[in-house]
């Protein structure tokens, strides 16, 4: 089967506020369900499944274990449409026969794959689920997940927190996912979360990987304008979100690539916005100008500080033999402030609203 869900990051400090919003009760179509989830994810030591955008897990749900295999395609965006094969199993052991009827069977060296699979990370979280319904027959389930992903044990144990929403489409018009998310984002800082739990678990185990460069796909003259618009938005938007998530002091290339992605995204919006075919989207495109401009200013300040600290200071010392310790200290202070401003974006509803609006443009 195929699942369609929208994933959103949520600051833990705003969970109580989220659950108190009247919008929750307006569309709630049944009792809240609370489950404690324990899950183990499997891959080969060299990440064969991750490289092929696949995920394999065993998860304890309620009273039993469920084996799930997932696939993904296209750009990594918060709204994902994934292939999913799910079966109840008697215990925390993989049932290989069930996997032979999935795309996993198409991977190379299948004869040795069962022996190469290892548990690569685990997670434990509480899931609170609300069934939702709208006039017109649309249905979804909203899940609030709080817990952690972890690898290793004892002194070698490492973990990252989970605090996110998943809005899973069940029936009717899928556009209600966007409308509902954008209504929530007016009052709570919700940011589109392109990385799945499986991707974040792999990053915890092996590191975040390289900063993501931006790809603008070549267009064919026969491609409809709106389809071309969506294709050209998706690449920069995926790169922007990936690089923003890893933009912390110590690796300035993430900020650099986030700026490149943002500039290309804004260029696409400027190029397609005035075309007659995009008239129905023009108001939404215009609404992105100010928040994306503000994001550009925040990233620009961090990039300026990075370049001055890592390149300009060294050139000044070499060329003029100056003692610039006081200047270096001031620059580091500016860098710290600039990266703090990037981190603060995740607490600001306007930031999440802008990224949600951009993702919605790509989807529609």
Protein backbone atom coordinates (compact mmCIF):
# COMPACT_ATOMS: atom_id res chain seq x y z
CA UNK A 1 0.00 0.00 0.00
CA UNK A 2 0.98 3.67 -0.16
CA UNK A 3 0.90 6.12 2.75
CA UNK A 4 0.62 9.89 2.43
CA UNK A 5 1.65 11.88 5.48
CA UNK A 6 2.83 15.34 6.43
CA UNK A 7 5.58 15.48 9.05
CA UNK A 8 6.20 18.58 11.20
CA UNK A 9 8.82 19.39 13.85
CA UNK A 10 7.48 20.88 17.08
CA UNK A 11 9.42 22.56 19.95
CA UNK A 12 8.76 20.57 23.17
CA UNK A 13 7.93 23.83 24.95
CA UNK A 14 4.85 24.25 22.72
CA UNK A 15 3.28 20.79 23.09
CA UNK A 16 0.81 21.89 25.77
CA UNK A 17 -0.20 24.93 23.73
CA UNK A 18 -0.77 22.76 20.66
CA UNK A 19 -3.06 20.34 22.49
CA UNK A 20 -5.12 23.22 23.85
CA UNK A 21 -5.95 24.75 20.47
CA UNK A 22 -9.71 24.84 19.70
CA UNK A 23 -8.90 23.61 16.18
CA UNK A 24 -8.06 20.19 17.66
CA UNK A 25 -11.52 19.73 19.16
CA UNK A 26 -13.30 21.15 16.10
CA UNK A 27 -12.12 18.29 13.87
CA UNK A 28 -11.62 15.53 16.42
CA UNK A 29 -13.64 12.48 15.32
CA UNK A 30 -13.00 10.04 18.16
CA UNK A 31 -11.14 9.43 21.42
CA UNK A 32 -7.44 10.13 21.82
CA UNK A 33 -5.32 7.00 21.70
CA UNK A 34 -2.05 6.77 23.68
CA UNK A 35 0.57 4.13 22.87
CA UNK A 36 4.14 3.49 23.97
CA UNK A 37 6.18 2.59 20.88
CA UNK A 38 9.46 0.66 20.83
CA UNK A 39 11.11 0.18 17.45
CA UNK A 40 14.30 -1.36 16.04
CA UNK A 41 15.59 -0.48 12.57
CA UNK A 42 17.69 -2.82 10.42
CA UNK A 43 20.24 -2.26 7.66
CA UNK A 44 23.57 -3.60 6.45
CA UNK A 45 26.73 -2.13 8.03
CA UNK A 46 27.35 -0.10 4.86
CA UNK A 47 23.79 1.26 4.72
CA UNK A 48 22.48 -0.59 1.67
CA UNK A 49 18.84 0.12 2.52
CA UNK A 50 19.45 3.76 3.43
CA UNK A 51 21.28 4.37 0.12
CA UNK A 52 18.26 2.98 -1.73
CA UNK A 53 15.85 5.09 0.36
CA UNK A 54 14.38 2.07 2.11
CA UNK A 55 13.65 1.42 5.78
CA UNK A 56 13.01 -1.84 7.61
CA UNK A 57 11.78 -1.92 11.21
CA UNK A 58 10.20 -4.02 13.92
CA UNK A 59 7.94 -2.00 16.21
CA UNK A 60 6.07 -2.97 19.34
CA UNK A 61 2.60 -1.43 19.16
CA UNK A 62 0.14 -2.08 21.95
CA UNK A 63 0.25 -5.82 22.62
CA UNK A 64 2.23 -7.08 19.62
CA UNK A 65 5.04 -6.60 17.11
CA UNK A 66 4.66 -5.24 13.59
CA UNK A 67 7.22 -5.59 10.78
CA UNK A 68 7.24 -2.66 8.35
CA UNK A 69 9.17 -2.09 5.14
CA UNK A 70 9.04 1.36 3.50
CA UNK A 71 10.31 2.91 0.29
CA UNK A 72 10.56 6.56 -0.78
CA UNK A 73 11.13 8.38 -4.06
CA UNK A 74 11.53 11.94 -5.28
CA UNK A 75 12.89 14.86 -3.25
CA UNK A 76 12.93 14.67 0.56
CA UNK A 77 10.08 16.95 1.57
CA UNK A 78 7.79 17.01 4.61
CA UNK A 79 4.83 15.64 2.65
CA UNK A 80 5.89 12.14 1.71
CA UNK A 81 4.25 9.43 -0.33
CA UNK A 82 5.89 6.16 0.53
CA UNK A 83 5.38 2.55 -0.34
CA UNK A 84 4.59 0.58 2.82
CA UNK A 85 4.36 -3.16 3.51
CA UNK A 86 3.22 -3.93 7.06
CA UNK A 87 2.53 -7.25 8.79
CA UNK A 88 1.98 -8.45 12.35
CA UNK A 89 4.71 -10.84 13.48
CA UNK A 90 4.83 -13.09 16.57
CA UNK A 91 7.90 -11.47 18.15
CA UNK A 92 10.90 -9.15 17.71
CA UNK A 93 12.40 -11.16 14.86
CA UNK A 94 12.35 -10.36 11.14
CA UNK A 95 10.18 -12.58 8.96
CA UNK A 96 12.23 -12.87 5.78
CA UNK A 97 9.49 -14.58 3.76
CA UNK A 98 7.27 -11.51 4.11
CA UNK A 99 10.03 -9.34 2.62
CA UNK A 100 10.38 -11.41 -0.55
CA UNK A 101 7.21 -9.80 -1.92
CA UNK A 102 8.59 -6.26 -1.51
CA UNK A 103 11.12 -4.14 -3.48
CA UNK A 104 13.74 -5.31 -0.99
CA UNK A 105 13.93 -8.51 -3.03
CA UNK A 106 15.28 -6.49 -5.99
CA UNK A 107 18.47 -5.43 -4.18
CA UNK A 108 21.76 -7.06 -5.23
CA UNK A 109 23.21 -10.09 -3.41
CA UNK A 110 19.86 -11.10 -1.97
CA UNK A 111 21.22 -14.52 -1.02
CA UNK A 112 23.46 -13.00 1.65
CA UNK A 113 21.29 -10.04 2.66
CA UNK A 114 19.57 -11.80 5.62
CA UNK A 115 22.98 -12.52 7.17
CA UNK A 116 24.19 -8.95 6.62
CA UNK A 117 21.23 -7.19 8.21
CA UNK A 118 21.93 -5.72 11.65
CA UNK A 119 19.99 -3.65 14.14
CA UNK A 120 21.45 -0.19 13.50
CA UNK A 121 19.44 2.00 15.89
CA UNK A 122 16.34 1.93 18.07
CA UNK A 123 13.76 4.36 19.35
CA UNK A 124 11.26 4.68 22.12
CA UNK A 125 8.46 7.23 22.11
CA UNK A 126 4.94 7.93 23.26
CA UNK A 127 2.38 8.41 20.50
CA UNK A 128 -0.84 10.33 21.08
CA UNK A 129 -3.25 9.94 18.15
CA UNK A 130 -6.31 11.99 17.26
CA UNK A 131 -8.70 10.86 14.49
CA UNK A 132 -9.74 13.88 12.43
CA UNK A 133 -12.63 14.49 10.05
CA UNK A 134 -13.85 17.35 7.85
CA UNK A 135 -17.07 18.18 6.04
CA UNK A 136 -16.89 16.61 2.60
CA UNK A 137 -15.55 13.27 3.81
CA UNK A 138 -11.83 14.00 4.29
CA UNK A 139 -10.24 12.00 7.12
CA UNK A 140 -6.79 11.91 8.69
CA UNK A 141 -5.00 10.86 11.85
CA UNK A 142 -2.80 13.31 13.71
CA UNK A 143 -0.01 11.72 15.78
CA UNK A 144 2.11 13.53 18.35
CA UNK A 145 5.34 11.59 18.97
CA UNK A 146 7.65 12.37 21.92
CA UNK A 147 10.66 10.30 22.90
CA UNK A 148 14.13 9.55 21.56
CA UNK A 149 16.19 7.75 18.95
CA UNK A 150 19.27 6.02 20.36
CA UNK A 151 22.29 3.97 19.34
CA UNK A 152 24.81 2.05 21.44
CA UNK A 153 24.61 1.15 25.10
CA UNK A 154 26.17 2.15 28.40
CA UNK A 155 28.89 4.78 28.12
CA UNK A 156 28.68 4.59 24.30
CA UNK A 157 24.97 5.30 24.18
CA UNK A 158 23.96 8.38 22.15
CA UNK A 159 20.50 9.78 21.55
CA UNK A 160 18.51 12.56 19.88
CA UNK A 161 15.02 13.67 20.94
CA UNK A 162 11.80 13.09 19.02
CA UNK A 163 9.10 15.75 19.16
CA UNK A 164 7.02 15.87 16.01
CA UNK A 165 3.59 15.71 14.44
CA UNK A 166 2.52 13.37 11.68
CA UNK A 167 -0.74 14.04 9.85
CA UNK A 168 -1.57 10.89 7.91
CA UNK A 169 -4.17 11.07 5.15
CA UNK A 170 -6.86 8.40 5.33
CA UNK A 171 -9.66 9.46 2.96
CA UNK A 172 -11.02 12.30 0.86
CA UNK A 173 -9.23 15.43 -0.35
CA UNK A 174 -5.58 15.39 0.75
CA UNK A 175 -5.43 19.20 0.54
CA UNK A 176 -7.00 19.33 4.00
CA UNK A 177 -3.63 18.22 5.43
CA UNK A 178 -2.08 21.48 4.26
CA UNK A 179 -4.96 23.66 5.37
CA UNK A 180 -5.06 22.05 8.83
CA UNK A 181 -1.27 22.27 9.26
CA UNK A 182 -1.21 25.92 8.21
CA UNK A 183 -4.01 26.73 10.64
CA UNK A 184 -2.06 25.07 13.46
CA UNK A 185 1.12 26.91 12.42
CA UNK A 186 -0.51 30.30 13.03
CA UNK A 187 -0.38 29.65 16.78
CA UNK A 188 2.43 27.09 17.19
CA UNK A 189 5.92 26.95 15.69
CA UNK A 190 5.56 23.98 13.33
CA UNK A 191 8.33 23.46 10.79
CA UNK A 192 8.16 20.97 7.88
CA UNK A 193 10.31 17.96 8.72
CA UNK A 194 11.63 16.26 5.61
CA UNK A 195 13.84 13.72 7.41
CA UNK A 196 12.07 10.57 8.58
CA UNK A 197 12.86 8.91 11.91
CA UNK A 198 14.84 6.33 9.96
CA UNK A 199 16.98 9.02 8.30
CA UNK A 200 17.63 10.72 11.63
CA UNK A 201 18.57 7.41 13.21
CA UNK A 202 21.09 6.77 10.44
CA UNK A 203 22.50 10.28 10.93
CA UNK A 204 22.87 9.63 14.67
CA UNK A 205 24.83 6.48 13.94
CA UNK A 206 27.03 7.72 11.10
CA UNK A 207 26.87 11.53 11.18
CA UNK A 208 24.73 13.98 9.21
CA UNK A 209 26.40 13.43 5.86
CA UNK A 210 27.48 16.13 3.47
CA UNK A 211 25.77 19.50 3.04
CA UNK A 212 23.23 19.13 0.26
CA UNK A 213 23.75 21.06 -2.95
CA UNK A 214 20.81 22.30 -4.98
CA UNK A 215 19.63 20.59 -8.12
CA UNK A 216 17.47 22.37 -10.67
CA UNK A 217 16.24 19.72 -13.11
CA UNK A 218 16.36 20.48 -16.84
CA UNK A 219 12.95 21.30 -18.29
CA UNK A 220 11.37 20.04 -21.47
CA UNK A 221 9.45 22.50 -23.65
CA UNK A 222 6.47 20.14 -23.48
CA UNK A 223 6.32 20.21 -19.67
CA UNK A 224 3.23 22.13 -18.46
CA UNK A 225 4.15 25.36 -16.69
CA UNK A 226 2.64 24.38 -13.33
CA UNK A 227 4.41 21.02 -13.42
CA UNK A 228 7.70 22.75 -14.24
CA UNK A 229 7.11 25.20 -11.39
CA UNK A 230 6.65 22.33 -8.93
CA UNK A 231 9.73 20.49 -10.22
CA UNK A 232 11.92 23.59 -9.92
CA UNK A 233 10.72 24.37 -6.39
CA UNK A 234 11.26 20.88 -4.98
CA UNK A 235 15.06 20.64 -5.34
CA UNK A 236 16.01 23.97 -3.69
CA UNK A 237 13.39 23.49 -0.99
CA UNK A 238 14.66 20.01 -0.06
CA UNK A 239 18.27 21.26 0.06
CA UNK A 240 17.29 24.32 2.11
CA UNK A 241 15.50 22.24 4.74
CA UNK A 242 18.30 19.66 4.99
CA UNK A 243 21.01 22.29 5.40
CA UNK A 244 19.02 24.40 7.86
CA UNK A 245 18.53 21.37 10.08
CA UNK A 246 22.31 20.93 10.35
CA UNK A 247 23.32 24.61 10.47
CA UNK A 248 25.29 24.69 13.71
CA UNK A 249 28.73 26.19 14.46
CA UNK A 250 31.62 24.04 13.32
CA UNK A 251 30.67 23.30 9.73
CA UNK A 252 29.96 26.53 7.83
CA UNK A 253 29.27 24.70 4.56
CA UNK A 254 25.70 23.94 5.71
CA UNK A 255 24.96 27.66 5.97
CA UNK A 256 26.63 28.30 2.62
CA UNK A 257 24.56 25.63 0.87
CA UNK A 258 21.39 26.79 2.65
CA UNK A 259 21.97 30.29 1.21
CA UNK A 260 22.54 28.89 -2.27
CA UNK A 261 19.33 26.85 -2.02
CA UNK A 262 17.38 29.85 -0.76
CA UNK A 263 18.64 32.09 -3.57
CA UNK A 264 17.64 29.50 -6.17
CA UNK A 265 14.24 29.01 -4.57
CA UNK A 266 13.60 32.76 -4.64
CA UNK A 267 14.80 32.91 -8.25
CA UNK A 268 12.32 30.19 -9.25
CA UNK A 269 9.50 32.08 -7.52
CA UNK A 270 10.46 35.31 -9.32
CA UNK A 271 10.73 33.55 -12.69
CA UNK A 272 7.42 31.67 -12.53
CA UNK A 273 5.37 34.07 -10.41
CA UNK A 274 4.42 36.53 -13.20
CA UNK A 275 3.47 33.85 -15.75
CA UNK A 276 -0.23 33.67 -16.72
CA UNK A 277 -0.39 29.97 -15.88
CA UNK A 278 0.55 30.63 -12.24
CA UNK A 279 -2.05 33.35 -11.71
CA UNK A 280 -4.01 31.17 -9.26
CA UNK A 281 -0.88 30.86 -7.08
CA UNK A 282 0.26 34.46 -7.30
CA UNK A 283 -1.04 35.54 -3.88
CA UNK A 284 0.77 32.65 -2.21
CA UNK A 285 4.00 33.43 -4.08
CA UNK A 286 3.83 37.09 -3.00
CA UNK A 287 3.24 36.03 0.62
CA UNK A 288 6.61 34.25 0.61
CA UNK A 289 8.69 37.31 -0.30
CA UNK A 290 8.98 38.82 3.17
CA UNK A 291 9.62 35.65 5.24
CA UNK A 292 12.11 34.27 2.70
CA UNK A 293 13.82 37.67 2.60
CA UNK A 294 14.13 37.61 6.39
CA UNK A 295 15.55 34.09 6.24
CA UNK A 296 18.09 35.35 3.70
CA UNK A 297 19.17 38.11 6.08
CA UNK A 298 19.62 35.64 8.96
CA UNK A 299 21.65 33.23 6.83
CA UNK A 300 23.62 36.11 5.29
CA UNK A 301 24.76 37.35 8.69
CA UNK A 302 25.97 33.85 9.62
CA UNK A 303 27.76 33.40 6.29
CA UNK A 304 29.48 36.80 6.57
CA UNK A 305 30.73 35.94 10.05
CA UNK A 306 31.91 32.50 8.89
CA UNK A 307 33.88 33.90 5.96
CA UNK A 308 35.48 36.64 8.05
CA UNK A 309 36.48 34.16 10.76
CA UNK A 310 37.74 31.36 8.50
CA UNK A 311 39.24 33.30 5.57
CA UNK A 312 39.56 37.06 6.01
CA UNK A 313 41.27 37.05 9.41
CA UNK A 314 43.94 34.64 8.19
CA UNK A 315 44.66 36.77 5.13
CA UNK A 316 44.98 39.90 7.25
CA UNK A 317 47.38 38.21 9.67
CA UNK A 318 49.53 36.85 6.84
CA UNK A 319 49.61 39.94 4.67
CA UNK A 320 49.98 42.65 7.29
CA UNK A 321 51.48 40.72 10.23
CA UNK A 322 48.85 42.17 12.55
CA UNK A 323 47.79 40.96 15.98
CA UNK A 324 44.07 40.56 15.61
CA UNK A 325 43.16 38.64 18.77
CA UNK A 326 40.66 41.25 19.91
CA UNK A 327 39.06 41.33 16.47
CA UNK A 328 38.92 37.52 16.35
CA UNK A 329 37.15 37.42 19.71
CA UNK A 330 34.58 39.93 18.48
CA UNK A 331 34.04 37.97 15.27
CA UNK A 332 33.45 34.75 17.22
CA UNK A 333 30.90 36.59 19.31
CA UNK A 334 29.14 37.70 16.13
CA UNK A 335 29.22 34.13 14.79
CA UNK A 336 27.66 32.83 18.00
CA UNK A 337 24.90 35.42 17.76
CA UNK A 338 24.29 34.66 14.08
CA UNK A 339 23.93 30.91 14.67
CA UNK A 340 21.69 31.57 17.66
CA UNK A 341 19.44 33.54 15.29
CA UNK A 342 19.27 30.49 12.97
CA UNK A 343 18.35 28.23 15.90
CA UNK A 344 15.67 30.71 16.99
CA UNK A 345 13.90 30.30 13.65
CA UNK A 346 12.51 26.96 14.87
CA UNK A 347 10.64 28.81 17.63
CA UNK A 348 9.01 31.34 15.28
CA UNK A 349 5.62 30.48 13.68
CA UNK A 350 6.34 32.75 10.69
CA UNK A 351 9.33 30.60 9.67
CA UNK A 352 7.32 27.38 9.68
CA UNK A 353 4.42 29.06 7.89
CA UNK A 354 6.71 30.17 5.05
CA UNK A 355 8.22 26.71 4.55
CA UNK A 356 4.77 25.11 4.70
CA UNK A 357 3.55 27.55 2.07
CA UNK A 358 6.51 26.73 -0.20
CA UNK A 359 5.96 22.98 0.21
CA UNK A 360 2.28 23.42 -0.57
CA UNK A 361 3.16 25.21 -3.79
CA UNK A 362 5.36 22.30 -4.81
CA UNK A 363 2.65 19.78 -3.96
CA UNK A 364 -0.19 21.59 -5.70
